[in-house]
């Protein structure tokens, strides 16, 4: 009987030891899950903070995009030659120019920048090619004319510049050379 008691006690201790070991392993797993959950929460917060900051950074981009045609129309209006205008119309044009300057300065203060395109190499990220020309005085893929200005809002393209690009026709040049060789 004593042996049975000792054996039962030994089994109880062994079971208790095994149970302690199981609980320690389970505790370890739960701690790892908690750490993973904390890391996920931290990453989620960072992602949300980035999204909110991006949203706030570009919050006015839709409004500014809607104002670009107004800016274009102001530029067209002030291109008039005021030397050939009556005194009243000339004063009106001077007022339009002042409004245009104030309007443009306000947009620039908000982060609007004109895309410098004329004479630059064509870049599809900033330019929208509407026409091409074959002018041997300029290098290939150079912007020859800006048909509609393009704008950046902060570091994002709001509207590409509509441009005319020089595209040298190599086939035509080769044909011209062949024609000159035959004439000689």
N, C-alpha and C. Protein backbone atom coordinates (compact mmCIF):
# COMPACT_ATOMS: atom_id res chain seq x y z
N UNK A 1 0.77 -1.18 0.00
CA UNK A 1 0.00 0.00 0.00
C UNK A 1 0.83 1.28 0.00
N UNK A 2 1.87 1.22 0.74
CA UNK A 2 2.77 2.34 0.78
C UNK A 2 3.39 2.59 -0.59
N UNK A 3 3.67 1.50 -1.26
CA UNK A 3 4.26 1.63 -2.60
C UNK A 3 3.28 2.28 -3.56
N UNK A 4 2.02 1.93 -3.40
CA UNK A 4 1.01 2.54 -4.26
C UNK A 4 0.89 4.03 -3.97
N UNK A 5 0.95 4.40 -2.71
CA UNK A 5 0.88 5.81 -2.34
C UNK A 5 2.06 6.57 -2.91
N UNK A 6 3.22 5.98 -2.78
CA UNK A 6 4.45 6.61 -3.29
C UNK A 6 4.35 6.76 -4.80
N UNK A 7 3.86 5.70 -5.46
CA UNK A 7 3.73 5.73 -6.91
C UNK A 7 2.72 6.80 -7.33
N UNK A 8 1.58 6.87 -6.60
CA UNK A 8 0.57 7.88 -6.90
C UNK A 8 1.14 9.28 -6.71
N UNK A 9 1.90 9.46 -5.61
CA UNK A 9 2.52 10.76 -5.35
C UNK A 9 3.50 11.12 -6.47
N UNK A 10 4.28 10.12 -6.88
CA UNK A 10 5.26 10.32 -7.94
C UNK A 10 4.54 10.68 -9.24
N UNK A 11 3.45 9.97 -9.53
CA UNK A 11 2.65 10.26 -10.74
C UNK A 11 2.05 11.66 -10.67
N UNK A 12 1.57 12.04 -9.48
CA UNK A 12 1.00 13.38 -9.31
C UNK A 12 2.06 14.43 -9.57
N UNK A 13 3.27 14.22 -9.00
CA UNK A 13 4.36 15.18 -9.19
C UNK A 13 4.74 15.26 -10.66
N UNK A 14 4.81 14.10 -11.29
CA UNK A 14 5.18 14.07 -12.70
C UNK A 14 4.10 14.76 -13.55
N UNK A 15 2.83 14.46 -13.23
CA UNK A 15 1.73 15.12 -13.95
C UNK A 15 1.76 16.64 -13.72
N UNK A 16 2.01 17.03 -12.48
CA UNK A 16 2.08 18.45 -12.15
C UNK A 16 3.24 19.10 -12.90
N UNK A 17 4.40 18.40 -12.92
CA UNK A 17 5.57 18.92 -13.63
C UNK A 17 5.26 19.05 -15.13
N UNK A 18 4.62 18.04 -15.71
CA UNK A 18 4.24 18.08 -17.13
C UNK A 18 3.25 19.23 -17.39
N UNK A 19 2.29 19.37 -16.47
CA UNK A 19 1.30 20.42 -16.63
C UNK A 19 1.96 21.80 -16.54
N UNK A 20 2.92 21.95 -15.63
CA UNK A 20 3.66 23.21 -15.50
C UNK A 20 4.41 23.50 -16.80
N UNK A 21 5.06 22.48 -17.33
CA UNK A 21 5.80 22.62 -18.58
C UNK A 21 4.84 23.04 -19.73
N UNK A 22 3.67 22.40 -19.80
CA UNK A 22 2.68 22.73 -20.83
C UNK A 22 2.21 24.17 -20.67
N UNK A 23 1.95 24.56 -19.43
CA UNK A 23 1.49 25.93 -19.18
C UNK A 23 2.58 26.96 -19.51
N UNK A 24 3.83 26.63 -19.22
CA UNK A 24 4.93 27.52 -19.56
C UNK A 24 5.03 27.69 -21.08
N UNK A 25 4.88 26.59 -21.83
CA UNK A 25 4.92 26.64 -23.30
C UNK A 25 3.75 27.47 -23.83
N UNK A 26 2.56 27.24 -23.25
CA UNK A 26 1.38 27.99 -23.67
C UNK A 26 1.55 29.48 -23.36
N UNK A 27 2.11 29.78 -22.20
CA UNK A 27 2.39 31.15 -21.81
C UNK A 27 3.37 31.80 -22.79
N UNK A 28 4.39 31.08 -23.18
CA UNK A 28 5.38 31.58 -24.12
C UNK A 28 4.72 31.91 -25.46
N UNK A 29 3.85 30.99 -25.94
CA UNK A 29 3.15 31.21 -27.20
C UNK A 29 2.23 32.43 -27.11
N UNK A 30 1.54 32.56 -25.98
CA UNK A 30 0.64 33.70 -25.81
C UNK A 30 1.41 35.02 -25.76
N UNK A 31 2.57 35.00 -25.12
CA UNK A 31 3.40 36.21 -25.08
C UNK A 31 3.86 36.60 -26.48
N UNK A 32 4.23 35.60 -27.29
CA UNK A 32 4.64 35.87 -28.67
C UNK A 32 3.47 36.45 -29.47
N UNK A 33 2.27 35.91 -29.26
CA UNK A 33 1.08 36.42 -29.95
C UNK A 33 0.80 37.86 -29.55
N UNK A 34 0.96 38.15 -28.24
CA UNK A 34 0.74 39.52 -27.78
C UNK A 34 1.76 40.46 -28.42
N UNK A 35 3.03 40.04 -28.50
CA UNK A 35 4.06 40.87 -29.13
C UNK A 35 3.74 41.11 -30.60
N UNK A 36 3.30 40.05 -31.30
CA UNK A 36 2.93 40.18 -32.71
C UNK A 36 1.75 41.14 -32.86
N UNK A 37 0.77 41.00 -31.97
CA UNK A 37 -0.41 41.89 -32.02
C UNK A 37 0.00 43.34 -31.77
N UNK A 38 0.92 43.56 -30.83
CA UNK A 38 1.41 44.92 -30.56
C UNK A 38 2.12 45.47 -31.78
N UNK A 39 2.97 44.64 -32.42
CA UNK A 39 3.70 45.07 -33.62
C UNK A 39 2.72 45.38 -34.74
N UNK A 40 1.69 44.54 -34.90
CA UNK A 40 0.68 44.79 -35.93
C UNK A 40 -0.05 46.11 -35.67
N UNK A 41 -0.36 46.37 -34.41
CA UNK A 41 -1.04 47.61 -34.05
C UNK A 41 -0.15 48.82 -34.33
N UNK A 42 1.12 48.72 -33.98
CA UNK A 42 2.07 49.81 -34.25
C UNK A 42 2.17 50.05 -35.75
N UNK A 43 2.28 48.96 -36.54
CA UNK A 43 2.36 49.10 -38.00
C UNK A 43 1.08 49.70 -38.57
N UNK A 44 -0.07 49.28 -38.03
CA UNK A 44 -1.36 49.81 -38.47
C UNK A 44 -1.42 51.31 -38.20
N UNK A 45 -1.01 51.72 -37.02
CA UNK A 45 -1.03 53.14 -36.66
C UNK A 45 -0.12 53.95 -37.59
N UNK A 46 1.08 53.41 -37.86
CA UNK A 46 2.00 54.10 -38.76
C UNK A 46 1.40 54.24 -40.15
N UNK A 47 0.80 53.15 -40.65
CA UNK A 47 0.18 53.16 -41.97
C UNK A 47 -0.96 54.19 -42.01
N UNK A 48 -1.79 54.18 -40.98
CA UNK A 48 -2.90 55.14 -40.93
C UNK A 48 -2.38 56.58 -40.82
N UNK A 49 -1.35 56.81 -40.01
CA UNK A 49 -0.76 58.15 -39.91
C UNK A 49 -0.23 58.60 -41.26
N UNK A 50 0.45 57.69 -41.99
CA UNK A 50 0.96 58.03 -43.33
C UNK A 50 -0.18 58.36 -44.28
N UNK A 51 -1.25 57.56 -44.24
CA UNK A 51 -2.40 57.80 -45.11
C UNK A 51 -3.04 59.14 -44.79
N UNK A 52 -3.19 59.45 -43.52
CA UNK A 52 -3.80 60.72 -43.12
C UNK A 52 -2.90 61.87 -43.55
N UNK A 53 -1.59 61.74 -43.36
CA UNK A 53 -0.69 62.82 -43.74
C UNK A 53 -0.69 63.02 -45.25
N UNK A 54 -0.75 61.93 -46.03
CA UNK A 54 -0.84 62.04 -47.48
C UNK A 54 -2.16 62.70 -47.88
N UNK A 55 -3.22 62.31 -47.22
CA UNK A 55 -4.54 62.90 -47.51
C UNK A 55 -4.51 64.40 -47.23
N UNK A 56 -3.97 64.77 -46.09
CA UNK A 56 -3.91 66.19 -45.74
C UNK A 56 -2.98 66.97 -46.68
N UNK A 57 -1.89 66.31 -47.08
CA UNK A 57 -0.93 66.98 -47.96
C UNK A 57 -1.58 67.33 -49.29
N UNK A 58 -2.40 66.44 -49.82
CA UNK A 58 -3.01 66.65 -51.13
C UNK A 58 -4.50 66.98 -51.04
N UNK A 59 -4.97 67.43 -49.90
CA UNK A 59 -6.39 67.70 -49.69
C UNK A 59 -6.92 68.74 -50.66
N UNK A 60 -6.11 69.71 -51.03
CA UNK A 60 -6.57 70.78 -51.91
C UNK A 60 -6.33 70.49 -53.38
N UNK A 61 -5.79 69.35 -53.73
CA UNK A 61 -5.42 69.10 -55.12
C UNK A 61 -6.62 69.12 -56.06
N UNK A 62 -7.77 68.60 -55.64
CA UNK A 62 -8.96 68.63 -56.50
C UNK A 62 -9.41 70.07 -56.76
N UNK A 63 -9.43 70.88 -55.72
CA UNK A 63 -9.82 72.28 -55.88
C UNK A 63 -8.86 73.01 -56.81
N UNK A 64 -7.58 72.83 -56.58
CA UNK A 64 -6.59 73.52 -57.41
C UNK A 64 -6.69 73.04 -58.85
N UNK A 65 -6.92 71.75 -59.06
CA UNK A 65 -7.09 71.23 -60.42
C UNK A 65 -8.29 71.91 -61.10
N UNK A 66 -9.38 72.10 -60.37
CA UNK A 66 -10.56 72.77 -60.92
C UNK A 66 -10.29 74.24 -61.24
N UNK A 67 -9.31 74.85 -60.56
CA UNK A 67 -8.98 76.26 -60.79
C UNK A 67 -8.03 76.46 -61.97
N UNK A 68 -7.40 75.40 -62.46
CA UNK A 68 -6.44 75.55 -63.56
C UNK A 68 -7.05 76.15 -64.82
N UNK A 69 -8.26 75.77 -65.24
CA UNK A 69 -8.84 76.44 -66.42
C UNK A 69 -9.05 77.94 -66.21
N UNK A 70 -9.36 78.34 -64.98
CA UNK A 70 -9.51 79.77 -64.68
C UNK A 70 -8.16 80.46 -64.87
N UNK A 71 -7.09 79.83 -64.38
CA UNK A 71 -5.75 80.37 -64.55
C UNK A 71 -5.39 80.46 -66.04
N UNK A 72 -5.72 79.40 -66.80
CA UNK A 72 -5.47 79.41 -68.25
C UNK A 72 -6.20 80.58 -68.92
N UNK A 73 -7.45 80.79 -68.56
CA UNK A 73 -8.23 81.87 -69.17
C UNK A 73 -7.68 83.24 -68.81
N UNK A 74 -7.22 83.41 -67.59
CA UNK A 74 -6.57 84.67 -67.21
C UNK A 74 -5.35 84.91 -68.09
N UNK A 75 -4.54 83.87 -68.27
CA UNK A 75 -3.33 84.02 -69.09
C UNK A 75 -3.68 84.39 -70.53
N UNK A 76 -4.72 83.79 -71.07
CA UNK A 76 -5.15 84.14 -72.44
C UNK A 76 -5.61 85.59 -72.50
N UNK A 77 -6.36 86.01 -71.49
CA UNK A 77 -6.90 87.38 -71.48
C UNK A 77 -5.81 88.43 -71.38
N UNK A 78 -4.78 88.17 -70.59
CA UNK A 78 -3.75 89.21 -70.40
C UNK A 78 -2.71 89.20 -71.50
N UNK A 79 -2.78 88.25 -72.41
CA UNK A 79 -1.84 88.25 -73.54
C UNK A 79 -2.22 89.28 -74.59
N UNK A 80 -3.36 89.93 -74.40
CA UNK A 80 -3.80 90.94 -75.36
C UNK A 80 -2.77 92.06 -75.42
N UNK A 81 -2.60 92.62 -76.59
CA UNK A 81 -1.68 93.74 -76.78
C UNK A 81 -2.40 95.00 -76.33
N UNK A 82 -2.00 95.54 -75.18
CA UNK A 82 -2.72 96.71 -74.65
C UNK A 82 -2.26 98.02 -75.28
N UNK A 83 -1.33 98.00 -76.22
CA UNK A 83 -0.92 99.22 -76.91
C UNK A 83 -1.99 99.69 -77.90
N UNK A 84 -2.78 98.76 -78.41
CA UNK A 84 -3.78 99.11 -79.42
C UNK A 84 -5.18 99.21 -78.82
N UNK A 85 -5.29 99.34 -77.52
CA UNK A 85 -6.59 99.37 -76.87
C UNK A 85 -6.94 100.77 -76.41
N UNK A 86 -8.24 101.02 -76.25
CA UNK A 86 -8.67 102.32 -75.72
C UNK A 86 -8.22 102.41 -74.26
N UNK A 87 -8.27 103.62 -73.72
CA UNK A 87 -7.80 103.86 -72.36
C UNK A 87 -8.58 103.03 -71.33
N UNK A 88 -9.91 102.95 -71.48
CA UNK A 88 -10.73 102.20 -70.53
C UNK A 88 -10.43 100.70 -70.58
N UNK A 89 -10.32 100.17 -71.79
CA UNK A 89 -10.04 98.74 -71.94
C UNK A 89 -8.64 98.44 -71.43
N UNK A 90 -7.71 99.36 -71.64
CA UNK A 90 -6.35 99.19 -71.15
C UNK A 90 -6.31 99.14 -69.62
N UNK A 91 -7.12 99.99 -68.99
CA UNK A 91 -7.21 99.98 -67.52
C UNK A 91 -7.83 98.66 -67.03
N UNK A 92 -8.84 98.22 -67.76
CA UNK A 92 -9.48 96.94 -67.42
C UNK A 92 -8.45 95.81 -67.52
N UNK A 93 -7.66 95.81 -68.58
CA UNK A 93 -6.64 94.78 -68.78
C UNK A 93 -5.59 94.84 -67.67
N UNK A 94 -5.22 96.05 -67.24
CA UNK A 94 -4.26 96.20 -66.14
C UNK A 94 -4.84 95.59 -64.86
N UNK A 95 -6.13 95.81 -64.63
CA UNK A 95 -6.80 95.21 -63.47
C UNK A 95 -6.81 93.69 -63.55
N UNK A 96 -7.08 93.17 -64.75
CA UNK A 96 -7.05 91.71 -64.96
C UNK A 96 -5.66 91.15 -64.64
N UNK A 97 -4.63 91.88 -65.06
CA UNK A 97 -3.25 91.42 -64.81
C UNK A 97 -2.98 91.38 -63.30
N UNK A 98 -3.47 92.36 -62.57
CA UNK A 98 -3.26 92.37 -61.12
C UNK A 98 -3.99 91.19 -60.47
N UNK A 99 -5.21 90.92 -60.92
CA UNK A 99 -5.96 89.78 -60.38
C UNK A 99 -5.23 88.49 -60.70
N UNK A 100 -4.75 88.38 -61.93
CA UNK A 100 -4.01 87.18 -62.35
C UNK A 100 -2.78 86.95 -61.47
N UNK A 101 -2.01 88.01 -61.25
CA UNK A 101 -0.79 87.89 -60.44
C UNK A 101 -1.13 87.45 -59.02
N UNK A 102 -2.15 88.05 -58.43
CA UNK A 102 -2.55 87.68 -57.06
C UNK A 102 -3.05 86.24 -57.02
N UNK A 103 -3.84 85.86 -58.02
CA UNK A 103 -4.38 84.50 -58.09
C UNK A 103 -3.25 83.48 -58.23
N UNK A 104 -2.31 83.77 -59.12
CA UNK A 104 -1.19 82.85 -59.34
C UNK A 104 -0.31 82.74 -58.09
N UNK A 105 -0.04 83.86 -57.44
CA UNK A 105 0.77 83.85 -56.22
C UNK A 105 0.10 83.03 -55.12
N UNK A 106 -1.23 83.14 -55.01
CA UNK A 106 -1.96 82.37 -54.01
C UNK A 106 -1.82 80.88 -54.30
N UNK A 107 -1.97 80.49 -55.58
CA UNK A 107 -1.84 79.07 -55.94
C UNK A 107 -0.42 78.56 -55.71
N UNK A 108 0.56 79.38 -56.02
CA UNK A 108 1.96 78.98 -55.80
C UNK A 108 2.25 78.83 -54.31
N UNK A 109 1.66 79.69 -53.50
CA UNK A 109 1.83 79.60 -52.04
C UNK A 109 1.27 78.27 -51.52
N UNK A 110 0.21 77.80 -52.15
CA UNK A 110 -0.40 76.53 -51.76
C UNK A 110 0.39 75.32 -52.26
N UNK A 111 1.35 75.53 -53.16
CA UNK A 111 2.20 74.43 -53.62
C UNK A 111 2.10 74.13 -55.11
N UNK A 112 1.44 74.98 -55.87
CA UNK A 112 1.33 74.77 -57.32
C UNK A 112 2.59 75.28 -58.01
N UNK A 113 3.15 74.46 -58.91
CA UNK A 113 4.34 74.85 -59.67
C UNK A 113 4.09 74.52 -61.14
N UNK A 114 4.49 75.44 -62.00
CA UNK A 114 4.37 75.21 -63.43
C UNK A 114 5.47 74.23 -63.87
N UNK A 115 5.12 73.31 -64.75
CA UNK A 115 6.10 72.37 -65.30
C UNK A 115 6.85 73.08 -66.41
N UNK A 116 8.15 73.19 -66.27
CA UNK A 116 8.99 73.83 -67.28
C UNK A 116 9.19 72.83 -68.42
N UNK A 117 8.63 73.11 -69.58
CA UNK A 117 8.65 72.14 -70.67
C UNK A 117 9.37 72.63 -71.91
N UNK A 118 9.24 73.90 -72.26
CA UNK A 118 9.78 74.42 -73.51
C UNK A 118 11.29 74.25 -73.59
N UNK A 119 11.73 73.58 -74.66
CA UNK A 119 13.16 73.36 -74.88
C UNK A 119 13.74 72.19 -74.09
N UNK A 120 12.91 71.53 -73.32
CA UNK A 120 13.36 70.38 -72.51
C UNK A 120 13.13 69.09 -73.28
N UNK A 121 13.81 68.03 -72.85
CA UNK A 121 13.61 66.72 -73.45
C UNK A 121 12.24 66.19 -73.02
N UNK A 122 11.53 65.58 -73.97
CA UNK A 122 10.19 65.06 -73.71
C UNK A 122 10.25 63.99 -72.62
N UNK A 123 9.37 64.11 -71.64
CA UNK A 123 9.25 63.14 -70.55
C UNK A 123 7.77 62.85 -70.36
N UNK A 124 7.35 61.63 -70.66
CA UNK A 124 5.93 61.26 -70.61
C UNK A 124 5.34 61.40 -69.21
N UNK A 125 6.17 61.47 -68.18
CA UNK A 125 5.66 61.68 -66.83
C UNK A 125 5.15 63.10 -66.62
N UNK A 126 5.68 64.04 -67.41
CA UNK A 126 5.35 65.45 -67.24
C UNK A 126 4.71 66.08 -68.47
N UNK A 127 4.88 65.44 -69.63
CA UNK A 127 4.41 66.02 -70.89
C UNK A 127 3.43 65.09 -71.59
N UNK A 128 2.49 65.70 -72.28
CA UNK A 128 1.54 64.96 -73.10
C UNK A 128 1.73 65.45 -74.53
N UNK A 129 2.29 64.59 -75.40
CA UNK A 129 2.60 64.97 -76.77
C UNK A 129 1.33 64.96 -77.62
N UNK A 130 0.96 66.15 -78.13
CA UNK A 130 -0.21 66.25 -79.00
C UNK A 130 0.18 66.30 -80.47
N UNK A 131 1.35 66.90 -80.76
CA UNK A 131 1.83 67.02 -82.13
C UNK A 131 3.32 66.74 -82.17
N UNK A 132 3.78 66.35 -83.36
CA UNK A 132 5.23 66.20 -83.57
C UNK A 132 5.61 67.03 -84.79
N UNK A 133 6.87 67.38 -84.85
CA UNK A 133 7.41 68.13 -85.99
C UNK A 133 8.79 67.56 -86.28
N UNK A 134 9.28 67.81 -87.48
CA UNK A 134 10.60 67.32 -87.87
C UNK A 134 11.47 68.53 -88.17
N UNK A 135 12.08 69.10 -87.14
CA UNK A 135 12.91 70.30 -87.27
C UNK A 135 14.36 69.92 -86.99
N UNK A 136 15.17 70.00 -88.03
CA UNK A 136 16.58 69.57 -87.91
C UNK A 136 17.42 70.52 -87.07
N UNK A 137 16.88 71.70 -86.74
CA UNK A 137 17.61 72.65 -85.91
C UNK A 137 17.64 72.22 -84.44
N UNK A 138 16.74 71.31 -84.06
CA UNK A 138 16.64 70.86 -82.67
C UNK A 138 16.94 69.37 -82.59
N UNK A 139 17.36 68.95 -81.41
CA UNK A 139 17.60 67.53 -81.17
C UNK A 139 16.29 66.77 -81.16
N UNK A 140 16.40 65.45 -81.30
CA UNK A 140 15.23 64.58 -81.26
C UNK A 140 14.62 64.61 -79.86
N UNK A 141 13.28 64.57 -79.79
CA UNK A 141 12.52 64.49 -78.54
C UNK A 141 12.59 65.77 -77.70
N UNK A 142 12.86 66.92 -78.32
CA UNK A 142 12.87 68.20 -77.62
C UNK A 142 11.50 68.84 -77.77
N UNK A 143 10.99 69.42 -76.69
CA UNK A 143 9.70 70.11 -76.73
C UNK A 143 9.87 71.42 -77.49
N UNK A 144 9.12 71.55 -78.59
CA UNK A 144 9.20 72.74 -79.44
C UNK A 144 8.20 73.82 -79.03
N UNK A 145 7.04 73.41 -78.53
CA UNK A 145 6.00 74.37 -78.19
C UNK A 145 5.15 73.80 -77.06
N UNK A 146 4.70 74.68 -76.18
CA UNK A 146 3.78 74.28 -75.10
C UNK A 146 2.40 74.78 -75.48
N UNK A 147 1.49 73.85 -75.70
CA UNK A 147 0.13 74.20 -76.12
C UNK A 147 -0.76 74.49 -74.91
N UNK A 148 -0.54 73.79 -73.82
CA UNK A 148 -1.23 74.05 -72.56
C UNK A 148 -0.25 73.75 -71.44
N UNK A 149 -0.11 74.69 -70.53
CA UNK A 149 0.85 74.52 -69.43
C UNK A 149 0.47 73.35 -68.55
N UNK A 150 1.49 72.70 -68.02
CA UNK A 150 1.29 71.63 -67.06
C UNK A 150 1.66 72.13 -65.67
N UNK A 151 1.11 71.46 -64.65
CA UNK A 151 1.36 71.92 -63.28
C UNK A 151 1.61 70.74 -62.35
N UNK A 152 2.45 71.02 -61.35
CA UNK A 152 2.71 70.08 -60.26
C UNK A 152 2.05 70.68 -59.02
N UNK A 153 1.48 69.82 -58.21
CA UNK A 153 0.97 70.25 -56.90
C UNK A 153 1.82 69.54 -55.87
N UNK A 154 2.66 70.32 -55.20
CA UNK A 154 3.66 69.79 -54.27
C UNK A 154 4.57 68.87 -55.08
N UNK A 155 4.57 67.57 -54.86
CA UNK A 155 5.46 66.69 -55.64
C UNK A 155 4.68 65.75 -56.55
N UNK A 156 3.44 66.11 -56.85
CA UNK A 156 2.55 65.27 -57.66
C UNK A 156 2.15 66.02 -58.93
N UNK A 157 2.17 65.33 -60.08
CA UNK A 157 1.74 65.95 -61.33
C UNK A 157 0.22 66.12 -61.28
N UNK A 158 -0.22 67.36 -61.38
CA UNK A 158 -1.65 67.65 -61.35
C UNK A 158 -2.22 67.61 -62.78
N UNK A 159 -1.45 68.19 -63.72
CA UNK A 159 -1.84 68.16 -65.13
C UNK A 159 -0.56 68.19 -65.96
N UNK A 160 -0.44 67.24 -66.89
CA UNK A 160 0.72 67.21 -67.78
C UNK A 160 0.65 68.39 -68.74
N UNK A 161 1.82 68.86 -69.16
CA UNK A 161 1.88 69.92 -70.15
C UNK A 161 1.58 69.31 -71.52
N UNK A 162 0.67 69.93 -72.27
CA UNK A 162 0.37 69.48 -73.63
C UNK A 162 1.38 70.15 -74.55
N UNK A 163 2.14 69.34 -75.28
CA UNK A 163 3.29 69.88 -76.01
C UNK A 163 3.37 69.37 -77.45
N UNK A 164 4.21 70.09 -78.21
CA UNK A 164 4.59 69.69 -79.56
C UNK A 164 6.05 69.29 -79.46
N UNK A 165 6.38 68.09 -79.95
CA UNK A 165 7.71 67.51 -79.76
C UNK A 165 8.41 67.34 -81.10
N UNK A 166 9.72 67.58 -81.08
CA UNK A 166 10.53 67.35 -82.28
C UNK A 166 10.82 65.87 -82.42
N UNK A 167 10.47 65.32 -83.56
CA UNK A 167 10.72 63.90 -83.82
C UNK A 167 11.44 63.83 -85.15
N UNK A 168 12.75 63.63 -85.09
CA UNK A 168 13.52 63.55 -86.32
C UNK A 168 13.19 62.25 -87.04
N UNK A 169 12.86 62.36 -88.30
CA UNK A 169 12.51 61.20 -89.11
C UNK A 169 13.78 60.67 -89.74
N UNK A 170 14.31 59.60 -89.16
CA UNK A 170 15.57 59.03 -89.64
C UNK A 170 15.43 58.46 -91.04
N UNK A 171 14.27 57.89 -91.36
CA UNK A 171 14.05 57.34 -92.70
C UNK A 171 14.12 58.44 -93.75
N UNK A 172 13.53 59.59 -93.44
CA UNK A 172 13.54 60.71 -94.38
C UNK A 172 14.97 61.22 -94.57
N UNK A 173 15.74 61.29 -93.47
CA UNK A 173 17.13 61.73 -93.58
C UNK A 173 17.94 60.76 -94.42
N UNK A 174 17.73 59.46 -94.20
CA UNK A 174 18.45 58.45 -94.99
C UNK A 174 18.08 58.55 -96.46
N UNK A 175 16.79 58.80 -96.77
CA UNK A 175 16.35 58.95 -98.15
C UNK A 175 16.98 60.18 -98.77
N UNK A 176 17.08 61.29 -97.98
CA UNK A 176 17.70 62.51 -98.48
C UNK A 176 19.16 62.25 -98.81
N UNK A 177 19.85 61.50 -97.95
CA UNK A 177 21.26 61.19 -98.19
C UNK A 177 21.41 60.34 -99.45
N UNK A 178 20.54 59.34 -99.61
CA UNK A 178 20.58 58.48 -100.80
C UNK A 178 20.32 59.30 -102.06
N UNK A 179 19.36 60.21 -101.99
CA UNK A 179 19.05 61.08 -103.13
C UNK A 179 20.22 61.96 -103.50
N UNK A 180 20.92 62.46 -102.48
CA UNK A 180 22.10 63.31 -102.72
C UNK A 180 23.23 62.49 -103.32
N UNK A 181 23.36 61.22 -102.89
CA UNK A 181 24.41 60.34 -103.42
C UNK A 181 24.16 60.05 -104.89
N UNK A 182 22.90 59.86 -105.30
CA UNK A 182 22.56 59.56 -106.69
C UNK A 182 22.81 60.78 -107.58
N UNK A 183 22.58 61.98 -107.05
CA UNK A 183 22.77 63.19 -107.84
C UNK A 183 24.25 63.47 -108.08
N UNK A 184 25.10 63.01 -107.20
CA UNK A 184 26.52 63.28 -107.34
C UNK A 184 27.14 62.34 -108.28
